[in-house]
Protein backbone atom coordinates (compact mmCIF):
# COMPACT_ATOMS: atom_id res chain seq x y z
CA MET A 1 83.99 102.10 107.44
CA ALA A 2 86.38 101.03 105.15
CA ALA A 3 88.48 103.31 103.44
CA LEU A 4 88.17 101.41 100.43
CA ALA A 5 85.98 98.30 99.45
CA LEU A 6 85.94 96.20 96.28
CA GLU A 7 82.80 93.98 95.73
CA GLY A 8 82.76 91.14 93.38
CA LEU A 9 84.87 92.51 90.80
CA PHE A 10 84.97 91.26 87.44
CA LYS A 11 87.02 92.07 84.30
CA SER A 12 87.73 90.51 80.91
CA TYR A 13 89.85 91.68 77.89
CA GLY A 14 87.99 90.18 74.99
CA THR A 15 87.03 86.39 75.98
CA THR A 16 90.08 86.46 78.28
CA PRO A 17 89.10 86.79 82.04
CA VAL A 18 91.65 88.72 84.12
CA VAL A 19 89.79 89.58 87.42
CA ARG A 20 87.26 86.76 88.71
CA GLY A 21 84.78 87.89 91.63
CA LEU A 22 87.59 89.86 93.64
CA SER A 23 86.34 91.34 96.87
CA LEU A 24 89.00 93.19 99.35
CA GLU A 25 88.43 95.75 102.01
CA VAL A 26 91.39 98.20 103.08
CA ARG A 27 90.89 100.17 106.53
CA GLU A 28 91.49 103.73 107.28
CA GLY A 29 95.47 104.12 107.54
CA GLU A 30 96.35 100.55 106.24
CA LEU A 31 98.73 99.48 104.05
CA VAL A 32 97.56 96.58 101.71
CA SER A 33 99.82 94.95 98.95
CA LEU A 34 98.29 92.99 95.99
CA LEU A 35 101.06 90.29 95.32
CA GLY A 36 101.52 87.94 92.54
CA PRO A 37 103.08 86.94 89.46
CA SER A 38 102.66 88.77 86.15
CA GLY A 39 99.13 88.31 84.73
CA CYS A 40 97.38 87.21 87.89
CA GLY A 41 95.30 90.63 87.72
CA LYS A 42 96.52 92.61 90.29
CA THR A 43 97.60 96.01 88.03
CA THR A 44 94.04 95.73 86.47
CA THR A 45 92.58 95.78 89.88
CA LEU A 46 94.41 98.69 90.47
CA ARG A 47 93.76 100.84 87.30
CA MET A 48 90.02 99.62 88.32
CA LEU A 49 90.02 101.39 91.40
CA ALA A 50 92.23 104.54 89.81
CA GLY A 51 89.55 104.86 87.40
CA LEU A 52 91.55 104.03 84.34
CA GLU A 53 89.38 101.00 83.77
CA HIS A 54 85.81 99.90 84.76
CA PRO A 55 84.87 96.75 85.96
CA ASP A 56 82.43 94.61 83.77
CA ALA A 57 80.54 93.92 86.91
CA GLY A 58 80.85 94.54 90.62
CA VAL A 59 81.17 97.63 92.96
CA ILE A 60 84.17 100.03 93.94
CA ARG A 61 83.71 102.36 97.07
CA ILE A 62 86.16 104.69 98.75
CA GLY A 63 85.19 106.19 101.81
CA GLY A 64 81.80 105.07 101.44
CA GLU A 65 81.05 106.82 98.23
CA THR A 66 80.12 104.33 95.09
CA VAL A 67 82.59 105.36 92.41
CA ALA A 68 82.14 102.45 90.05
CA GLY A 69 79.15 100.08 89.45
CA PRO A 70 76.07 99.56 87.69
CA GLY A 71 75.27 102.97 86.17
CA VAL A 72 78.34 104.89 88.09
CA ARG A 73 81.30 105.39 86.77
CA ILE A 74 83.04 108.64 88.46
CA PRO A 75 86.06 109.87 86.42
CA PRO A 76 89.78 109.29 87.86
CA GLU A 77 90.09 113.04 88.82
CA ARG A 78 87.04 113.13 91.45
CA ARG A 79 88.04 109.98 93.22
CA GLY A 80 90.41 111.89 95.38
CA LEU A 81 93.04 109.41 94.93
CA GLY A 82 97.07 109.57 94.23
CA MET A 83 98.88 107.46 92.08
CA VAL A 84 102.69 106.39 91.60
CA PHE A 85 103.73 104.67 88.63
CA GLN A 86 106.23 102.30 88.04
CA SER A 87 107.68 104.44 85.01
CA TYR A 88 107.82 108.07 87.37
CA ALA A 89 105.43 109.74 85.06
CA VAL A 90 106.85 113.23 85.50
CA TRP A 91 107.08 115.57 82.94
CA PRO A 92 110.69 116.35 81.27
CA HIS A 93 109.94 120.26 80.61
CA ARG A 94 108.94 120.98 84.43
CA SER A 95 110.97 121.37 87.61
CA VAL A 96 110.71 119.24 90.69
CA GLU A 97 108.46 121.85 92.21
CA GLU A 98 106.58 122.36 89.11
CA ASN A 99 105.87 118.41 88.70
CA VAL A 100 104.43 118.14 92.47
CA ALA A 101 102.66 121.59 92.25
CA TYR A 102 100.59 119.96 89.69
CA PRO A 103 97.38 118.53 91.13
CA LEU A 104 97.19 121.65 93.20
CA THR A 105 97.37 124.42 90.12
CA LEU A 106 94.50 122.15 88.62
CA ARG A 107 92.32 123.01 91.58
CA ARG A 108 93.12 126.72 91.22
CA LEU A 109 94.45 126.79 94.82
CA PRO A 110 96.04 130.52 95.96
CA LYS A 111 99.87 130.62 94.69
CA SER A 112 100.86 130.93 98.58
CA GLU A 113 98.87 128.10 99.74
CA VAL A 114 100.63 125.68 96.61
CA ALA A 115 104.32 127.01 97.36
CA SER A 116 103.85 126.23 101.00
CA ARG A 117 102.29 122.58 100.32
CA VAL A 118 104.73 121.89 97.72
CA LYS A 119 107.49 123.05 100.19
CA GLU A 120 106.22 120.49 102.85
CA ALA A 121 105.90 117.79 100.26
CA LEU A 122 109.37 118.05 99.07
CA ARG A 123 110.40 118.03 102.79
CA TRP A 124 109.06 114.86 103.18
CA VAL A 125 110.71 113.13 100.49
CA ARG A 126 114.17 115.25 101.34
CA LEU A 127 114.26 116.84 98.22
CA GLU A 128 113.97 120.54 99.16
CA ALA A 129 117.56 121.13 97.74
CA LEU A 130 116.48 119.95 94.68
CA ALA A 131 113.21 122.05 93.82
CA THR A 132 114.51 124.16 90.72
CA ARG A 133 116.14 120.82 89.27
CA ARG A 134 114.78 119.46 85.73
CA PRO A 135 114.11 115.56 85.80
CA HIS A 136 117.09 114.82 83.45
CA GLU A 137 119.49 116.06 86.35
CA LEU A 138 117.70 113.39 88.63
CA SER A 139 118.64 109.64 89.58
CA GLY A 140 115.80 107.20 89.38
CA GLY A 141 115.38 107.27 93.02
CA GLN A 142 114.90 110.98 92.86
CA LEU A 143 112.69 110.64 90.50
CA GLN A 144 110.46 108.15 92.09
CA ARG A 145 110.50 110.82 95.25
CA VAL A 146 109.00 113.58 93.15
CA ALA A 147 106.49 111.08 92.09
CA LEU A 148 105.54 110.29 95.47
CA ALA A 149 105.69 114.21 96.31
CA ARG A 150 103.16 114.83 93.73
CA ALA A 151 101.18 112.06 94.83
CA LEU A 152 100.69 112.95 98.25
CA VAL A 153 100.85 116.74 98.01
CA ALA A 154 96.98 116.66 97.51
CA ASN A 155 96.36 114.60 100.58
CA PRO A 156 94.75 111.80 98.99
CA ARG A 157 92.18 109.72 100.32
CA VAL A 158 93.81 106.38 98.96
CA LEU A 159 97.63 106.43 97.62
CA LEU A 160 98.01 103.82 94.89
CA LEU A 161 101.43 102.60 93.95
CA ASP A 162 102.01 100.41 91.22
CA GLU A 163 105.43 98.32 91.29
CA PRO A 164 106.77 101.50 92.04
CA LEU A 165 110.41 100.42 93.16
CA SER A 166 110.61 97.91 89.89
CA ASN A 167 113.11 99.90 88.03
CA LEU A 168 115.47 100.69 90.60
CA ASP A 169 118.74 98.82 91.26
CA ALA A 170 119.05 97.10 94.65
CA ALA A 171 120.19 99.66 96.95
CA LEU A 172 117.84 102.18 95.75
CA ARG A 173 114.89 99.82 96.06
CA GLU A 174 116.02 99.30 99.67
CA GLU A 175 116.07 102.97 100.34
CA LEU A 176 112.62 103.87 98.65
CA ARG A 177 111.20 101.03 100.53
CA ALA A 178 112.14 102.49 104.10
CA GLU A 179 111.09 106.06 102.42
CA ILE A 180 107.54 104.47 101.94
CA ALA A 181 107.46 103.11 105.31
CA ALA A 182 108.23 106.32 106.93
CA LEU A 183 105.94 108.50 105.05
CA ARG A 184 103.07 106.23 105.69
CA ALA A 185 104.18 106.20 109.45
CA ARG A 186 104.56 110.13 109.37
CA LEU A 187 101.19 110.61 107.55
CA GLY A 188 98.78 107.45 108.37
CA THR A 189 97.99 107.68 104.44
CA THR A 190 95.82 104.58 103.38
CA MET A 191 97.68 103.00 100.58
CA VAL A 192 97.46 100.20 97.81
CA PHE A 193 100.69 98.90 96.83
CA VAL A 194 100.91 96.68 93.66
CA THR A 195 103.89 94.16 93.71
CA HIS A 196 105.45 90.66 92.42
CA ASP A 197 108.39 91.04 94.79
CA GLN A 198 107.22 89.07 97.90
CA GLY A 199 109.89 90.94 100.04
CA GLU A 200 108.49 94.16 99.27
CA ALA A 201 105.29 93.03 100.35
CA LEU A 202 106.42 91.43 103.38
CA ALA A 203 108.44 94.59 104.80
CA LEU A 204 105.89 97.14 104.07
CA SER A 205 102.46 95.52 104.42
CA ASP A 206 100.06 95.36 107.33
CA ARG A 207 98.11 92.71 105.21
CA ILE A 208 98.79 90.98 101.99
CA ALA A 209 96.25 89.79 99.46
CA VAL A 210 97.97 87.23 97.40
CA MET A 211 96.45 86.90 94.24
CA ASN A 212 96.23 83.97 91.20
CA GLN A 213 94.83 83.72 87.98
CA GLY A 214 92.58 86.76 88.71
CA VAL A 215 91.52 85.78 92.26
CA ILE A 216 92.83 86.11 95.72
CA GLU A 217 93.94 83.11 97.48
CA GLN A 218 94.40 84.29 100.69
CA VAL A 219 94.46 87.83 102.59
CA ASP A 220 96.36 87.95 105.78
CA THR A 221 99.24 89.79 107.73
CA PRO A 222 102.69 88.98 106.70
CA GLU A 223 103.50 87.00 109.61
CA ARG A 224 100.42 84.49 109.00
CA LEU A 225 100.88 84.47 105.17
CA TYR A 226 104.59 83.14 105.87
CA GLY A 227 103.76 80.79 108.71
CA GLU A 228 100.23 79.56 108.12
CA PRO A 229 99.79 79.66 104.18
CA THR A 230 96.07 78.18 103.46
CA THR A 231 97.01 77.02 99.75
CA PRO A 232 99.92 75.38 98.28
CA PHE A 233 100.53 78.56 95.56
CA VAL A 234 100.47 81.04 98.73
CA ALA A 235 103.35 78.78 100.16
CA GLY A 236 105.19 78.35 96.94
CA PHE A 237 105.07 82.32 96.23
CA VAL A 238 105.47 83.96 99.53
CA GLY A 239 108.63 82.79 101.04
CA GLY A 240 109.60 80.35 98.04
CA ALA A 241 108.65 77.00 99.96
CA ASN A 242 109.22 73.54 97.76
CA VAL A 243 106.02 72.19 96.71
CA LEU A 244 106.02 68.34 96.53
CA VAL A 245 102.98 66.19 94.96
CA GLY A 246 102.69 62.62 95.55
CA HIS A 247 101.07 60.61 98.62
CA VAL A 248 101.83 59.42 102.01
CA ARG A 249 102.19 55.70 102.71
CA ASP A 250 103.32 54.36 105.93
CA TRP A 251 104.52 57.67 107.43
CA GLU A 252 106.74 58.17 104.19
CA PHE A 253 105.99 60.68 101.58
CA HIS A 254 106.45 59.44 98.27
CA THR A 255 106.95 61.78 95.37
CA ALA A 256 104.30 61.12 92.46
CA GLN A 257 107.34 60.38 90.09
CA GLY A 258 108.40 57.79 92.38
CA ASP A 259 112.34 59.21 92.35
CA ALA A 260 112.51 59.97 96.21
CA LYS A 261 110.67 59.03 99.49
CA PHE A 262 110.82 60.94 102.89
CA PRO A 263 110.04 60.23 106.33
CA LEU A 264 107.56 62.46 107.77
CA PRO A 265 108.85 65.16 110.51
CA ALA A 266 108.22 64.01 113.91
CA GLY A 267 104.43 64.91 115.05
CA MET A 268 102.99 65.54 111.71
CA VAL A 269 99.56 64.07 111.33
CA ALA A 270 99.16 62.81 107.58
CA PRO A 271 96.75 60.20 106.88
CA ASP A 272 97.98 57.75 103.88
CA GLY A 273 96.58 58.94 100.67
CA PRO A 274 97.48 61.58 97.93
CA CYS A 275 98.71 64.90 99.01
CA THR A 276 100.84 67.93 98.40
CA LEU A 277 103.70 68.50 100.73
CA VAL A 278 104.91 72.29 101.41
CA VAL A 279 108.41 72.44 102.68
CA ARG A 280 110.24 75.85 103.07
CA PRO A 281 114.14 75.55 102.32
CA GLU A 282 115.03 76.50 105.62
CA ASP A 283 112.98 73.67 107.19
CA LEU A 284 115.09 71.01 105.27
CA GLU A 285 118.23 69.58 107.01
CA LEU A 286 121.69 68.51 105.45
CA GLY A 287 123.34 65.25 106.54
CA GLY A 288 120.22 64.15 108.93
CA GLY A 289 120.97 60.43 110.29
CA GLU A 290 117.12 59.55 109.03
CA GLY A 291 117.29 61.62 105.76
CA THR A 292 117.02 60.56 102.17
CA LEU A 293 120.22 60.55 99.83
CA LEU A 294 119.63 62.44 96.68
CA PRO A 295 122.52 63.55 94.18
CA LEU A 296 123.45 67.65 94.41
CA SER A 297 122.45 69.13 91.26
CA ALA A 298 123.83 72.78 92.39
CA ARG A 299 125.17 74.89 95.49
CA LEU A 300 124.56 78.54 95.51
CA PHE A 301 126.77 80.77 97.95
CA LEU A 302 124.38 83.40 99.67
CA GLY A 303 126.81 84.74 102.24
CA HIS A 304 125.26 83.86 105.36
CA ALA A 305 124.21 80.57 104.25
CA ALA A 306 124.11 78.23 101.04
CA GLU A 307 121.61 76.77 99.06
CA TYR A 308 121.68 73.14 97.63
CA ARG A 309 119.56 72.21 94.93
CA PHE A 310 118.40 68.72 94.33
CA PRO A 311 116.39 67.18 91.80
CA VAL A 312 113.10 65.63 92.79
CA GLY A 313 109.86 65.21 91.92
CA GLY A 314 109.85 66.93 88.58
CA THR A 315 111.31 69.84 90.10
CA LEU A 316 114.28 71.44 91.97
CA LEU A 317 114.26 70.82 95.99
CA ARG A 318 115.74 73.75 97.38
CA VAL A 319 117.62 73.46 101.01
CA VAL A 320 119.07 76.51 102.62
CA GLY A 321 121.72 75.89 105.52
CA PRO A 322 125.22 76.70 106.50
CA PRO A 323 127.62 76.74 103.87
CA ARG A 324 129.86 73.70 103.30
CA GLU A 325 132.39 72.32 100.80
CA VAL A 326 130.29 69.90 98.34
CA ARG A 327 130.55 69.09 94.53
CA ALA A 328 127.62 68.86 91.86
CA GLY A 329 126.71 64.95 91.74
CA GLU A 330 127.30 64.19 95.24
CA LEU A 331 125.13 62.20 97.27
CA LEU A 332 124.07 63.93 100.41
CA ALA A 333 121.39 63.15 102.82
CA VAL A 334 118.23 65.38 103.16
CA ARG A 335 115.89 65.36 106.17
CA ILE A 336 112.40 67.27 106.28
CA TRP A 337 111.91 68.41 109.86
CA LYS A 338 108.83 70.54 109.28
CA ALA A 339 106.29 70.70 106.51
CA LYS A 340 102.87 71.50 105.76
CA ARG A 341 100.33 69.03 104.48
CA PHE A 342 97.68 69.97 101.56
CA ALA A 343 95.07 67.35 100.50
CA SER A 344 95.26 66.88 96.67
CA ARG A 345 92.57 68.31 94.66
């Protein structure tokens, strides 16, 4: 039995559809990310799952129990879920341990049991020494740990995480990302993680559901999403691939604007006709003998590599390769050695 099942969910605000026929199953102990750009419907989906919004149509089941659907609307507090928000949502007038204890005190559990479980939850997130601190005495990373402990202390059926790392700086994001991965490995909690950051989704997830304009375009493992995207949108969003629209003629790809043409990679099967070519930045090579001469727009030093940008096909073609000394405006040969072709819609 799936820990969580969403079946044919629809949600509109006024005349604007936000979620359109979304279906998804999450297995017991699995971490599934809802990944997509702002406005794609991922947070609305999470809010429907949490019971903070009700779907216009469709069914939500948690552990086989219908919690939302025609004639059914189980309130949030009876769904057995934990939730971690982007904004921490901790009470400023309560100590760390009082914040974490809140879900248990609502259930009127014995004080000794509350104290024991709060102590254990604080140990999970390494905050035992800060139990009596107030929120204003904590860093952003510590506040998010408090929110994690509070969400986990009641042993939720599913833990929902809504962009929980987006308010943190880069170093803290890395630290909390590792914390979430370690907690999941230790506790085996089923999790649904909402993010617009593909790096977070790729690093943490068993599977990723990539959303676009209210629908799921692909659900797959991180490895398959990156290596075998099924749509140009997924390819462009996961891994930042270059998406070029044009046509193939005589084993060459011509951009729709007519400003460049590239020999197709060796062994690529691509019949003549209109198509979209998806090329990851690392699958392009500078200085190839059969490359296409392009004017360099910009060079960005990345430390271990450099990113080179060329105006092509109405966009900027991004190439990642070894750092080299070049100037803006310089003509460089660019060769495609690996690409994925999609038929034009």
